[in-house]
PDB file of N, CA and C in Angstrom:
ATOM      1  N   UNK A   1      18.169   8.200   5.766  1.00  0.00           N
ATOM      2  CA  UNK A   1      16.697   7.954   5.268  1.00  0.00           C
ATOM      3  C   UNK A   1      16.289   6.788   4.390  1.00  0.00           C
ATOM      4  N   UNK A   2      16.879   7.344   3.303  1.00  0.00           N
ATOM      5  CA  UNK A   2      16.944   5.962   1.918  1.00  0.00           C
ATOM      6  C   UNK A   2      16.855   4.732   2.826  1.00  0.00           C
ATOM      7  N   UNK A   3      17.778   4.275   3.486  1.00  0.00           N
ATOM      8  CA  UNK A   3      18.387   3.261   4.036  1.00  0.00           C
ATOM      9  C   UNK A   3      17.041   2.499   5.333  1.00  0.00           C
ATOM     10  N   UNK A   4      16.170   3.435   5.697  1.00  0.00           N
ATOM     11  CA  UNK A   4      15.357   3.101   6.607  1.00  0.00           C
ATOM     12  C   UNK A   4      13.978   2.218   5.659  1.00  0.00           C
ATOM     13  N   UNK A   5      13.839   3.249   4.723  1.00  0.00           N
ATOM     14  CA  UNK A   5      13.072   2.476   3.253  1.00  0.00           C
ATOM     15  C   UNK A   5      13.095   1.398   2.933  1.00  0.00           C
ATOM     16  N   UNK A   6      14.414   0.837   2.515  1.00  0.00           N
ATOM     17  CA  UNK A   6      14.672  -0.077   2.015  1.00  0.00           C
ATOM     18  C   UNK A   6      14.041  -1.377   3.103  1.00  0.00           C
ATOM     19  N   UNK A   7      14.375  -1.307   4.236  1.00  0.00           N
ATOM     20  CA  UNK A   7      14.236  -2.092   5.572  1.00  0.00           C
ATOM     21  C   UNK A   7      12.270  -2.290   5.415  1.00  0.00           C
ATOM     22  N   UNK A   8      12.129  -0.613   5.727  1.00  0.00           N
ATOM     23  CA  UNK A   8      10.234  -0.878   5.735  1.00  0.00           C
ATOM     24  C   UNK A   8       8.732  -0.898   4.589  1.00  0.00           C
ATOM     25  N   UNK A   9       9.375  -0.819   3.594  1.00  0.00           N
ATOM     26  CA  UNK A   9       9.085  -0.792   2.556  1.00  0.00           C
ATOM     27  C   UNK A   9       8.503  -2.291   2.110  1.00  0.00           C
ATOM     28  N   UNK A  10       9.510  -3.465   2.002  1.00  0.00           N
ATOM     29  CA  UNK A  10       9.334  -4.649   2.017  1.00  0.00           C
ATOM     30  C   UNK A  10       8.211  -5.699   2.912  1.00  0.00           C
ATOM     31  N   UNK A  11       8.641  -4.902   4.705  1.00  0.00           N
ATOM     32  CA  UNK A  11       7.109  -5.330   5.604  1.00  0.00           C
ATOM     33  C   UNK A  11       5.882  -4.434   5.372  1.00  0.00           C
ATOM     34  N   UNK A  12       5.604  -3.571   4.811  1.00  0.00           N
ATOM     35  CA  UNK A  12       4.465  -2.769   4.212  1.00  0.00           C
ATOM     36  C   UNK A  12       3.660  -3.309   3.467  1.00  0.00           C
ATOM     37  N   UNK A  13       5.037  -3.700   2.273  1.00  0.00           N
ATOM     38  CA  UNK A  13       3.966  -4.229   0.947  1.00  0.00           C
ATOM     39  C   UNK A  13       3.448  -6.356   1.756  1.00  0.00           C
ATOM     40  N   UNK A  14       4.683  -6.725   2.305  1.00  0.00           N
ATOM     41  CA  UNK A  14       3.687  -7.760   2.673  1.00  0.00           C
ATOM     42  C   UNK A  14       2.851  -7.790   3.592  1.00  0.00           C
ATOM     43  N   UNK A  15       2.991  -6.696   4.343  1.00  0.00           N
ATOM     44  CA  UNK A  15       1.302  -6.752   5.618  1.00  0.00           C
ATOM     45  C   UNK A  15       0.240  -6.410   4.779  1.00  0.00           C
ATOM     46  N   UNK A  16       0.203  -5.377   3.751  1.00  0.00           N
ATOM     47  CA  UNK A  16      -0.771  -5.059   2.658  1.00  0.00           C
ATOM     48  C   UNK A  16      -1.017  -6.446   1.707  1.00  0.00           C
ATOM     49  N   UNK A  17      -0.525  -7.355   1.165  1.00  0.00           N
ATOM     50  CA  UNK A  17      -0.576  -8.276   0.600  1.00  0.00           C
ATOM     51  C   UNK A  17      -1.407  -9.745   1.357  1.00  0.00           C
ATOM     52  N   UNK A  18      -1.215  -9.544   2.872  1.00  0.00           N
ATOM     53  CA  UNK A  18      -1.658 -10.419   3.541  1.00  0.00           C
ATOM     54  C   UNK A  18      -3.056  -9.833   4.067  1.00  0.00           C
ATOM     55  N   UNK A  19      -3.183  -8.740   4.046  1.00  0.00           N
ATOM     56  CA  UNK A  19      -4.522  -8.175   4.330  1.00  0.00           C
ATOM     57  C   UNK A  19      -5.582  -8.375   3.589  1.00  0.00           C
ATOM     58  N   UNK A  20      -4.867  -8.082   2.254  1.00  0.00           N
ATOM     59  CA  UNK A  20      -5.685  -8.261   0.698  1.00  0.00           C
ATOM     60  C   UNK A  20      -5.987 -10.390   0.766  1.00  0.00           C
ATOM     61  N   UNK A  21      -5.330 -11.136   1.214  1.00  0.00           N
ATOM     62  CA  UNK A  21      -5.570 -12.633   1.324  1.00  0.00           C
ATOM     63  C   UNK A  21      -6.455 -12.393   2.242  1.00  0.00           C
ATOM     64  N   UNK A  22      -6.899 -12.134   3.349  1.00  0.00           N
ATOM     65  CA  UNK A  22      -7.305 -12.248   4.577  1.00  0.00           C
ATOM     66  C   UNK A  22      -8.937 -11.944   3.972  1.00  0.00           C
ATOM     67  N   UNK A  23      -9.243 -10.522   3.531  1.00  0.00           N
ATOM     68  CA  UNK A  23      -9.946  -9.933   2.837  1.00  0.00           C
ATOM     69  C   UNK A  23     -10.826 -10.931   1.807  1.00  0.00           C
ATOM     70  N   UNK A  24     -10.439 -11.473   1.051  1.00  0.00           N
ATOM     71  CA  UNK A  24     -10.392 -12.582   0.233  1.00  0.00           C
ATOM     72  C   UNK A  24     -11.124 -13.731   0.735  1.00  0.00           C
ATOM     73  N   UNK A  25     -10.075 -13.996   1.338  1.00  0.00           N
ATOM     74  CA  UNK A  25     -10.655 -15.745   1.925  1.00  0.00           C
ATOM     75  C   UNK A  25     -11.680 -15.739   3.410  1.00  0.00           C
ATOM     76  N   UNK A  26     -12.135 -14.328   3.965  1.00  0.00           N
ATOM     77  CA  UNK A  26     -12.851 -13.985   4.883  1.00  0.00           C
ATOM     78  C   UNK A  26     -14.373 -14.542   4.834  1.00  0.00           C
ATOM     79  N   UNK A  27     -14.825 -15.453   5.068  1.00  0.00           N
ATOM     80  CA  UNK A  27     -16.645 -15.446   4.722  1.00  0.00           C
ATOM     81  C   UNK A  27     -17.391 -14.936   5.729  1.00  0.00           C
ATOM     82  N   UNK A  28     -18.084 -13.910   5.972  1.00  0.00           N
ATOM     83  CA  UNK A  28     -19.218 -13.109   6.782  1.00  0.00           C
ATOM     84  C   UNK A  28     -20.230 -13.892   6.336  1.00  0.00           C
ATOM     85  N   UNK A  29     -21.067 -14.126   7.664  1.00  0.00           N
ATOM     86  CA  UNK A  29     -22.350 -14.700   7.516  1.00  0.00           C
ATOM     87  C   UNK A  29     -23.107 -14.190   8.721  1.00  0.00           C
ATOM     88  N   UNK A  30     -24.332 -14.181   8.224  1.00  0.00           N
ATOM     89  CA  UNK A  30     -25.322 -13.525   9.335  1.00  0.00           C
ATOM     90  C   UNK A  30     -25.404 -14.307  10.947  1.00  0.00           C
ATOM     91  N   UNK A  31     -25.455 -13.821  12.061  1.00  0.00           N
ATOM     92  CA  UNK A  31     -25.257 -14.660  12.930  1.00  0.00           C
ATOM     93  C   UNK A  31     -26.731 -15.263  13.459  1.00  0.00           C
ATOM     94  N   UNK A  32     -26.592 -16.428  13.884  1.00  0.00           N
ATOM     95  CA  UNK A  32     -27.627 -17.458  13.408  1.00  0.00           C
ATOM     96  C   UNK A  32     -28.007 -17.981  12.772  1.00  0.00           C
ATOM     97  N   UNK A  33     -27.620 -18.003  11.355  1.00  0.00           N
ATOM     98  CA  UNK A  33     -27.280 -18.455  10.167  1.00  0.00           C
ATOM     99  C   UNK A  33     -26.889 -19.783  10.297  1.00  0.00           C
ATOM    100  N   UNK A  34     -26.964 -20.294   9.064  1.00  0.00           N
ATOM    101  CA  UNK A  34     -25.906 -21.874   9.649  1.00  0.00           C
ATOM    102  C   UNK A  34     -24.644 -21.529   9.015  1.00  0.00           C
ATOM    103  N   UNK A  35     -24.388 -20.507   8.403  1.00  0.00           N
ATOM    104  CA  UNK A  35     -22.718 -19.949   7.803  1.00  0.00           C
ATOM    105  C   UNK A  35     -22.435 -19.993   6.776  1.00  0.00           C
ATOM    106  N   UNK A  36     -21.607 -19.483   6.228  1.00  0.00           N
ATOM    107  CA  UNK A  36     -21.407 -18.996   4.759  1.00  0.00           C
ATOM    108  C   UNK A  36     -21.609 -20.472   4.063  1.00  0.00           C
ATOM    109  N   UNK A  37     -22.217 -20.165   2.584  1.00  0.00           N
ATOM    110  CA  UNK A  37     -22.204 -20.862   1.446  1.00  0.00           C
ATOM    111  C   UNK A  37     -20.717 -21.511   1.127  1.00  0.00           C
ATOM    112  N   UNK A  38     -19.698 -21.125   1.642  1.00  0.00           N
ATOM    113  CA  UNK A  38     -18.406 -21.596   1.392  1.00  0.00           C
ATOM    114  C   UNK A  38     -18.286 -23.250   2.246  1.00  0.00           C
ATOM    115  N   UNK A  39     -18.409 -22.871   3.359  1.00  0.00           N
ATOM    116  CA  UNK A  39     -18.942 -24.380   4.398  1.00  0.00           C
ATOM    117  C   UNK A  39     -19.462 -25.148   3.781  1.00  0.00           C
ATOM    118  N   UNK A  40     -20.751 -24.895   3.287  1.00  0.00           N
ATOM    119  CA  UNK A  40     -21.259 -26.108   2.629  1.00  0.00           C
ATOM    120  C   UNK A  40     -20.317 -26.516   1.161  1.00  0.00           C
ATOM    121  N   UNK A  41     -19.800 -26.214   0.415  1.00  0.00           N
ATOM    122  CA  UNK A  41     -19.045 -26.132  -0.478  1.00  0.00           C
ATOM    123  C   UNK A  41     -18.035 -27.006  -0.164  1.00  0.00           C
ATOM    124  N   UNK A  42     -17.074 -26.509   0.897  1.00  0.00           N
ATOM    125  CA  UNK A  42     -15.860 -27.443   1.417  1.00  0.00           C
ATOM    126  C   UNK A  42     -16.544 -28.838   2.113  1.00  0.00           C
ATOM    127  N   UNK A  43     -17.139 -28.883   2.477  1.00  0.00           N
ATOM    128  CA  UNK A  43     -18.027 -30.519   2.737  1.00  0.00           C
ATOM    129  C   UNK A  43     -18.026 -31.234   1.352  1.00  0.00           C
ATOM    130  N   UNK A  44     -19.254 -30.182   0.442  1.00  0.00           N
ATOM    131  CA  UNK A  44     -19.603 -31.102  -0.632  1.00  0.00           C
ATOM    132  C   UNK A  44     -18.178 -31.773  -1.614  1.00  0.00           C
ATOM    133  N   UNK A  45     -17.248 -31.064  -0.889  1.00  0.00           N
ATOM    134  CA  UNK A  45     -15.856 -31.939  -1.906  1.00  0.00           C
ATOM    135  C   UNK A  45     -15.544 -33.046  -1.558  1.00  0.00           C
ATOM    136  N   UNK A  46     -15.982 -33.297   0.012  1.00  0.00           N
ATOM    137  CA  UNK A  46     -15.476 -34.691   0.214  1.00  0.00           C
ATOM    138  C   UNK A  46     -16.925 -35.531   0.419  1.00  0.00           C
ATOM    139  N   UNK A  47     -17.884 -35.218  -0.258  1.00  0.00           N
ATOM    140  CA  UNK A  47     -19.043 -35.957  -0.445  1.00  0.00           C
ATOM    141  C   UNK A  47     -20.145 -36.068   0.855  1.00  0.00           C
ATOM    142  N   UNK A  48     -19.556 -34.845   1.789  1.00  0.00           N
ATOM    143  CA  UNK A  48     -20.217 -34.535   2.799  1.00  0.00           C
ATOM    144  C   UNK A  48     -21.388 -33.665   3.089  1.00  0.00           C
ATOM    145  N   UNK A  49     -22.109 -33.318   4.159  1.00  0.00           N
ATOM    146  CA  UNK A  49     -23.158 -32.399   3.952  1.00  0.00           C
ATOM    147  C   UNK A  49     -23.523 -32.065   5.745  1.00  0.00           C
ATOM    148  N   UNK A  50     -23.737 -30.951   6.062  1.00  0.00           N
ATOM    149  CA  UNK A  50     -24.355 -30.939   7.286  1.00  0.00           C
ATOM    150  C   UNK A  50     -25.835 -31.354   7.658  1.00  0.00           C
ATOM    151  N   UNK A  51     -25.614 -31.769   8.924  1.00  0.00           N
ATOM    152  CA  UNK A  51     -26.979 -32.490   9.336  1.00  0.00           C
ATOM    153  C   UNK A  51     -27.778 -31.568  10.517  1.00  0.00           C
ATOM    154  N   UNK A  52     -28.686 -31.174  10.081  1.00  0.00           N
ATOM    155  CA  UNK A  52     -30.008 -30.060  10.824  1.00  0.00           C
ATOM    156  C   UNK A  52     -30.534 -30.896  11.864  1.00  0.00           C
ATOM    157  N   UNK A  53     -30.628 -30.446  12.406  1.00  0.00           N
ATOM    158  CA  UNK A  53     -30.905 -31.343  14.168  1.00  0.00           C
ATOM    159  C   UNK A  53     -32.224 -30.830  14.371  1.00  0.00           C
TER     160      UNK A  53
END
């Protein structure tokens, strides 16, 4: 039994860490909007912006 936990514990921990990364990096925005504020910030880093049609 201990041997199985030594195999699965690191897998479970890694999965939990990935879930936290995804939760922290996923930017939710309302349908029909221009997208998340982070998209604007990303473009501004390169001196770019969105063009409204």
